[in-house]
N, C-alpha and C. Protein backbone atom coordinates (compact mmCIF):
# COMPACT_ATOMS: atom_id res chain seq x y z
N UNK A 1 0.85 -1.18 0.00
CA UNK A 1 0.00 0.00 0.00
C UNK A 1 0.90 1.25 0.00
N UNK A 2 0.60 2.14 -0.89
CA UNK A 2 1.37 3.37 -0.99
C UNK A 2 0.83 4.44 -0.05
N UNK A 3 1.73 5.22 0.48
CA UNK A 3 1.36 6.31 1.37
C UNK A 3 1.47 7.64 0.62
N UNK A 4 0.40 8.40 0.62
CA UNK A 4 0.42 9.75 0.06
C UNK A 4 1.09 10.63 1.11
N UNK A 5 2.40 10.78 0.99
CA UNK A 5 3.18 11.47 2.02
C UNK A 5 2.78 12.93 2.18
N UNK A 6 2.38 13.58 1.11
CA UNK A 6 1.97 14.98 1.19
C UNK A 6 0.70 15.11 2.03
N UNK A 7 -0.28 14.26 1.76
CA UNK A 7 -1.53 14.30 2.51
C UNK A 7 -1.30 13.92 3.98
N UNK A 8 -0.54 12.86 4.18
CA UNK A 8 -0.23 12.43 5.55
C UNK A 8 0.52 13.54 6.30
N UNK A 9 1.49 14.15 5.65
CA UNK A 9 2.27 15.21 6.28
C UNK A 9 1.44 16.42 6.64
N UNK A 10 0.46 16.73 5.82
CA UNK A 10 -0.43 17.87 6.09
C UNK A 10 -1.20 17.63 7.39
N UNK A 11 -1.75 16.44 7.53
CA UNK A 11 -2.50 16.10 8.74
C UNK A 11 -1.59 16.00 9.96
N UNK A 12 -0.41 15.40 9.75
CA UNK A 12 0.51 15.23 10.88
C UNK A 12 1.00 16.58 11.40
N UNK A 13 1.22 17.53 10.53
CA UNK A 13 1.62 18.87 10.97
C UNK A 13 0.52 19.52 11.80
N UNK A 14 -0.71 19.35 11.39
CA UNK A 14 -1.83 19.87 12.19
C UNK A 14 -1.87 19.20 13.55
N UNK A 15 -1.61 17.90 13.58
CA UNK A 15 -1.58 17.17 14.86
C UNK A 15 -0.46 17.68 15.75
N UNK A 16 0.70 17.92 15.18
CA UNK A 16 1.84 18.43 15.97
C UNK A 16 1.54 19.81 16.55
N UNK A 17 0.96 20.68 15.75
CA UNK A 17 0.61 22.03 16.24
C UNK A 17 -0.44 21.96 17.34
N UNK A 18 -1.40 21.08 17.18
CA UNK A 18 -2.45 20.93 18.19
C UNK A 18 -1.87 20.38 19.49
N UNK A 19 -0.98 19.41 19.40
CA UNK A 19 -0.35 18.86 20.60
C UNK A 19 0.53 19.90 21.29
N UNK A 20 1.23 20.70 20.51
CA UNK A 20 2.03 21.78 21.08
C UNK A 20 1.14 22.77 21.83
N UNK A 21 0.00 23.09 21.25
CA UNK A 21 -0.95 23.98 21.90
C UNK A 21 -1.47 23.36 23.20
N UNK A 22 -1.72 22.05 23.18
CA UNK A 22 -2.16 21.35 24.39
C UNK A 22 -1.11 21.45 25.49
N UNK A 23 0.15 21.36 25.11
CA UNK A 23 1.22 21.51 26.10
C UNK A 23 1.22 22.88 26.74
N UNK A 24 0.95 23.91 25.96
CA UNK A 24 0.84 25.27 26.51
C UNK A 24 -0.34 25.37 27.47
N UNK A 25 -1.46 24.77 27.10
CA UNK A 25 -2.62 24.77 27.99
C UNK A 25 -2.30 24.06 29.30
N UNK A 26 -1.63 22.94 29.20
CA UNK A 26 -1.26 22.19 30.40
C UNK A 26 -0.37 23.03 31.31
N UNK A 27 0.59 23.70 30.72
CA UNK A 27 1.50 24.55 31.50
C UNK A 27 0.79 25.70 32.20
N UNK A 28 -0.31 26.17 31.62
CA UNK A 28 -1.07 27.26 32.23
C UNK A 28 -2.13 26.76 33.20
N UNK A 29 -2.27 25.45 33.30
CA UNK A 29 -3.29 24.90 34.17
C UNK A 29 -4.67 24.82 33.54
N UNK A 30 -4.73 24.96 32.23
CA UNK A 30 -6.01 24.84 31.51
C UNK A 30 -6.21 23.37 31.13
N UNK A 31 -6.51 22.56 32.14
CA UNK A 31 -6.54 21.12 31.97
C UNK A 31 -7.65 20.64 31.04
N UNK A 32 -8.79 21.33 31.06
CA UNK A 32 -9.87 20.92 30.18
C UNK A 32 -9.45 21.07 28.72
N UNK A 33 -8.82 22.20 28.38
CA UNK A 33 -8.37 22.41 27.01
C UNK A 33 -7.22 21.47 26.65
N UNK A 34 -6.33 21.22 27.61
CA UNK A 34 -5.21 20.30 27.34
C UNK A 34 -5.73 18.91 27.00
N UNK A 35 -6.72 18.42 27.74
CA UNK A 35 -7.31 17.11 27.46
C UNK A 35 -7.98 17.09 26.10
N UNK A 36 -8.78 18.10 25.84
CA UNK A 36 -9.49 18.18 24.57
C UNK A 36 -8.51 18.19 23.40
N UNK A 37 -7.49 19.04 23.49
CA UNK A 37 -6.54 19.16 22.38
C UNK A 37 -5.65 17.94 22.23
N UNK A 38 -5.33 17.26 23.33
CA UNK A 38 -4.54 16.03 23.22
C UNK A 38 -5.30 14.98 22.42
N UNK A 39 -6.60 14.87 22.69
CA UNK A 39 -7.42 13.94 21.93
C UNK A 39 -7.50 14.37 20.47
N UNK A 40 -7.68 15.66 20.25
CA UNK A 40 -7.77 16.16 18.87
C UNK A 40 -6.47 15.90 18.11
N UNK A 41 -5.34 16.06 18.77
CA UNK A 41 -4.04 15.82 18.12
C UNK A 41 -3.92 14.36 17.70
N UNK A 42 -4.31 13.45 18.60
CA UNK A 42 -4.25 12.03 18.26
C UNK A 42 -5.20 11.71 17.11
N UNK A 43 -6.39 12.28 17.16
CA UNK A 43 -7.38 12.06 16.10
C UNK A 43 -6.83 12.54 14.75
N UNK A 44 -6.24 13.72 14.74
CA UNK A 44 -5.67 14.25 13.49
C UNK A 44 -4.56 13.35 12.96
N UNK A 45 -3.71 12.85 13.85
CA UNK A 45 -2.60 12.01 13.42
C UNK A 45 -3.09 10.71 12.79
N UNK A 46 -4.06 10.06 13.44
CA UNK A 46 -4.55 8.79 12.92
C UNK A 46 -5.36 9.02 11.64
N UNK A 47 -6.16 10.08 11.62
CA UNK A 47 -6.91 10.38 10.39
C UNK A 47 -5.94 10.70 9.25
N UNK A 48 -4.84 11.34 9.56
CA UNK A 48 -3.84 11.61 8.53
C UNK A 48 -3.29 10.34 7.92
N UNK A 49 -3.03 9.36 8.77
CA UNK A 49 -2.56 8.07 8.27
C UNK A 49 -3.62 7.42 7.38
N UNK A 50 -4.86 7.45 7.86
CA UNK A 50 -5.94 6.86 7.06
C UNK A 50 -6.09 7.57 5.71
N UNK A 51 -6.10 8.90 5.73
CA UNK A 51 -6.19 9.63 4.46
C UNK A 51 -4.97 9.33 3.59
N UNK A 52 -3.82 9.22 4.22
CA UNK A 52 -2.59 8.96 3.48
C UNK A 52 -2.58 7.64 2.73
N UNK A 53 -3.32 6.66 3.27
CA UNK A 53 -3.39 5.35 2.59
C UNK A 53 -4.69 5.19 1.81
N UNK A 54 -5.48 6.27 1.74
CA UNK A 54 -6.70 6.25 0.94
C UNK A 54 -7.88 5.57 1.62
N UNK A 55 -7.84 5.46 2.93
CA UNK A 55 -8.94 4.83 3.67
C UNK A 55 -9.88 5.89 4.22
N UNK A 56 -11.09 5.47 4.54
CA UNK A 56 -12.07 6.39 5.13
C UNK A 56 -11.62 6.79 6.53
N UNK A 57 -11.75 8.08 6.83
CA UNK A 57 -11.35 8.61 8.14
C UNK A 57 -12.48 9.47 8.67
N UNK A 58 -13.37 8.85 9.41
CA UNK A 58 -14.50 9.58 9.98
C UNK A 58 -14.70 9.12 11.42
N UNK A 59 -15.33 9.96 12.20
CA UNK A 59 -15.55 9.65 13.61
C UNK A 59 -14.52 10.36 14.48
N UNK A 60 -14.74 10.25 15.79
CA UNK A 60 -13.86 10.94 16.73
C UNK A 60 -13.18 10.00 17.71
N UNK A 61 -13.55 8.73 17.72
CA UNK A 61 -12.94 7.77 18.63
C UNK A 61 -11.55 7.40 18.12
N UNK A 62 -10.53 7.78 18.88
CA UNK A 62 -9.16 7.45 18.47
C UNK A 62 -8.98 5.94 18.43
N UNK A 63 -9.55 5.23 19.39
CA UNK A 63 -9.41 3.77 19.40
C UNK A 63 -10.02 3.15 18.14
N UNK A 64 -11.21 3.59 17.76
CA UNK A 64 -11.83 3.04 16.54
C UNK A 64 -11.05 3.44 15.29
N UNK A 65 -10.53 4.65 15.27
CA UNK A 65 -9.72 5.08 14.13
C UNK A 65 -8.44 4.24 14.05
N UNK A 66 -7.85 3.94 15.20
CA UNK A 66 -6.65 3.09 15.21
C UNK A 66 -6.97 1.69 14.68
N UNK A 67 -8.12 1.15 15.08
CA UNK A 67 -8.51 -0.16 14.57
C UNK A 67 -8.69 -0.11 13.06
N UNK A 68 -9.33 0.96 12.59
CA UNK A 68 -9.53 1.12 11.14
C UNK A 68 -8.18 1.23 10.42
N UNK A 69 -7.24 1.94 11.01
CA UNK A 69 -5.91 2.06 10.41
C UNK A 69 -5.22 0.70 10.36
N UNK A 70 -5.35 -0.05 11.43
CA UNK A 70 -4.75 -1.39 11.45
C UNK A 70 -5.32 -2.27 10.35
N UNK A 71 -6.64 -2.20 10.18
CA UNK A 71 -7.30 -2.98 9.12
C UNK A 71 -6.82 -2.52 7.74
N UNK A 72 -6.75 -1.20 7.56
CA UNK A 72 -6.32 -0.67 6.25
C UNK A 72 -4.90 -1.08 5.90
N UNK A 73 -4.06 -1.18 6.92
CA UNK A 73 -2.66 -1.52 6.70
C UNK A 73 -2.36 -3.01 6.84
N UNK A 74 -3.36 -3.77 7.29
CA UNK A 74 -3.15 -5.19 7.50
C UNK A 74 -2.24 -5.47 8.68
N UNK A 75 -2.32 -4.62 9.70
CA UNK A 75 -1.47 -4.75 10.89
C UNK A 75 -2.33 -4.83 12.14
N UNK A 76 -1.81 -5.48 13.15
CA UNK A 76 -2.48 -5.52 14.45
C UNK A 76 -1.98 -4.33 15.26
N UNK A 77 -2.90 -3.53 15.76
CA UNK A 77 -2.53 -2.40 16.61
C UNK A 77 -2.31 -2.95 18.02
N UNK A 78 -1.16 -2.65 18.63
CA UNK A 78 -0.90 -3.17 19.98
C UNK A 78 -1.99 -2.75 20.96
N UNK A 79 -2.31 -3.65 21.88
CA UNK A 79 -3.35 -3.40 22.85
C UNK A 79 -3.13 -2.16 23.69
N UNK A 80 -1.87 -1.90 24.06
CA UNK A 80 -1.62 -0.71 24.89
C UNK A 80 -1.87 0.57 24.11
N UNK A 81 -1.66 0.54 22.80
CA UNK A 81 -1.94 1.71 21.97
C UNK A 81 -3.45 1.94 21.89
N UNK A 82 -4.21 0.85 21.72
CA UNK A 82 -5.67 0.98 21.71
C UNK A 82 -6.19 1.49 23.05
N UNK A 83 -5.60 1.04 24.14
CA UNK A 83 -6.02 1.50 25.47
C UNK A 83 -5.74 3.00 25.63
N UNK A 84 -4.64 3.47 25.10
CA UNK A 84 -4.36 4.92 25.14
C UNK A 84 -5.41 5.68 24.34
N UNK A 85 -5.81 5.14 23.21
CA UNK A 85 -6.87 5.77 22.42
C UNK A 85 -8.17 5.84 23.18
N UNK A 86 -8.50 4.78 23.90
CA UNK A 86 -9.72 4.77 24.72
C UNK A 86 -9.61 5.77 25.87
N UNK A 87 -8.45 5.86 26.46
CA UNK A 87 -8.24 6.80 27.57
C UNK A 87 -8.42 8.24 27.09
N UNK A 88 -7.89 8.56 25.93
CA UNK A 88 -8.09 9.90 25.38
C UNK A 88 -9.57 10.21 25.20
N UNK A 89 -10.34 9.23 24.76
CA UNK A 89 -11.77 9.41 24.60
C UNK A 89 -12.47 9.72 25.91
N UNK A 90 -12.02 9.09 26.98
CA UNK A 90 -12.63 9.32 28.29
C UNK A 90 -12.40 10.73 28.79
N UNK A 91 -11.31 11.34 28.39
CA UNK A 91 -11.05 12.73 28.77
C UNK A 91 -11.62 13.71 27.77
N UNK A 92 -11.77 13.29 26.53
CA UNK A 92 -12.28 14.17 25.47
C UNK A 92 -13.77 14.43 25.62
N UNK A 93 -14.53 13.37 25.84
CA UNK A 93 -15.99 13.50 25.84
C UNK A 93 -16.48 14.51 26.87
N UNK A 94 -16.05 14.43 28.15
CA UNK A 94 -16.58 15.42 29.10
C UNK A 94 -16.16 16.85 28.79
N UNK A 95 -14.98 17.04 28.25
CA UNK A 95 -14.54 18.41 27.96
C UNK A 95 -15.22 18.97 26.73
N UNK A 96 -15.64 18.10 25.82
CA UNK A 96 -16.28 18.57 24.59
C UNK A 96 -17.79 18.74 24.75
N UNK A 97 -18.39 18.07 25.73
CA UNK A 97 -19.84 18.06 25.79
C UNK A 97 -20.45 18.61 27.07
N UNK A 98 -19.71 18.65 28.15
CA UNK A 98 -20.31 19.08 29.42
C UNK A 98 -20.49 20.59 29.44
N UNK A 99 -21.69 21.01 29.75
CA UNK A 99 -21.98 22.44 29.86
C UNK A 99 -21.98 22.80 31.34
N UNK A 100 -21.11 23.71 31.76
CA UNK A 100 -21.06 24.09 33.17
C UNK A 100 -22.27 24.94 33.56
N UNK A 101 -22.55 24.96 34.84
CA UNK A 101 -23.59 25.84 35.35
C UNK A 101 -23.17 27.29 35.18
N UNK A 102 -24.06 28.24 35.48
CA UNK A 102 -23.77 29.64 35.24
C UNK A 102 -22.61 30.20 36.07
N UNK A 103 -22.30 29.54 37.19
CA UNK A 103 -21.23 30.06 38.06
C UNK A 103 -20.08 29.10 38.24
N UNK A 104 -19.96 28.11 37.38
CA UNK A 104 -18.89 27.15 37.54
C UNK A 104 -18.03 27.06 36.30
N UNK A 105 -16.81 26.65 36.52
CA UNK A 105 -15.87 26.43 35.43
C UNK A 105 -15.89 24.95 35.08
N UNK A 106 -15.85 24.60 33.80
CA UNK A 106 -15.81 23.17 33.46
C UNK A 106 -14.58 22.51 34.07
N UNK A 107 -14.74 21.30 34.53
CA UNK A 107 -13.63 20.54 35.09
C UNK A 107 -13.61 19.16 34.45
N UNK A 108 -12.52 18.48 34.67
CA UNK A 108 -12.35 17.13 34.16
C UNK A 108 -12.52 16.17 35.32
N UNK A 109 -13.32 15.14 35.13
CA UNK A 109 -13.44 14.09 36.13
C UNK A 109 -12.41 13.02 35.76
N UNK A 110 -11.52 12.70 36.69
CA UNK A 110 -10.49 11.72 36.39
C UNK A 110 -11.08 10.32 36.41
N UNK A 111 -10.32 9.36 35.95
CA UNK A 111 -10.80 7.98 35.91
C UNK A 111 -11.01 7.43 37.31
N UNK A 112 -10.37 7.99 38.31
CA UNK A 112 -10.55 7.53 39.68
C UNK A 112 -11.68 8.25 40.38
N UNK A 113 -12.38 9.10 39.66
CA UNK A 113 -13.53 9.79 40.23
C UNK A 113 -13.19 11.08 40.95
N UNK A 114 -11.94 11.49 40.93
CA UNK A 114 -11.55 12.76 41.55
C UNK A 114 -11.53 13.84 40.49
N UNK A 115 -11.78 15.05 40.90
CA UNK A 115 -11.70 16.15 39.96
C UNK A 115 -10.25 16.56 39.76
N UNK A 116 -9.90 16.82 38.53
CA UNK A 116 -8.59 17.41 38.26
C UNK A 116 -8.64 18.86 38.67
N UNK A 117 -7.50 19.45 38.89
CA UNK A 117 -7.47 20.85 39.28
C UNK A 117 -8.09 21.71 38.21
N UNK A 118 -8.97 22.65 38.58
CA UNK A 118 -9.56 23.54 37.56
C UNK A 118 -8.56 24.54 37.07
């Protein structure tokens, strides 16, 4: 299978910029944005690979996109990589969809049920 390096590179650059932005958010304590952008960066990177090999790239689940990439390439995606994709989804969904009350700031609920620092 041939890789369209130009198309893949375009998406990968967007992923790198998004991840760099997430790092800035993390450094400022903007944890909700850091989580959201980390997921977006992974999504862009995997979608870039899918577009690069001419496969369909739709949806927002990094884990499902990774599975689709594995199928398109005829490779098994390591379980720990899929688990990381699932973990990103767990942090992405609440930051992308939760609407805070009128006097509260959105926060991230950690996997252990504790709130991350706002």
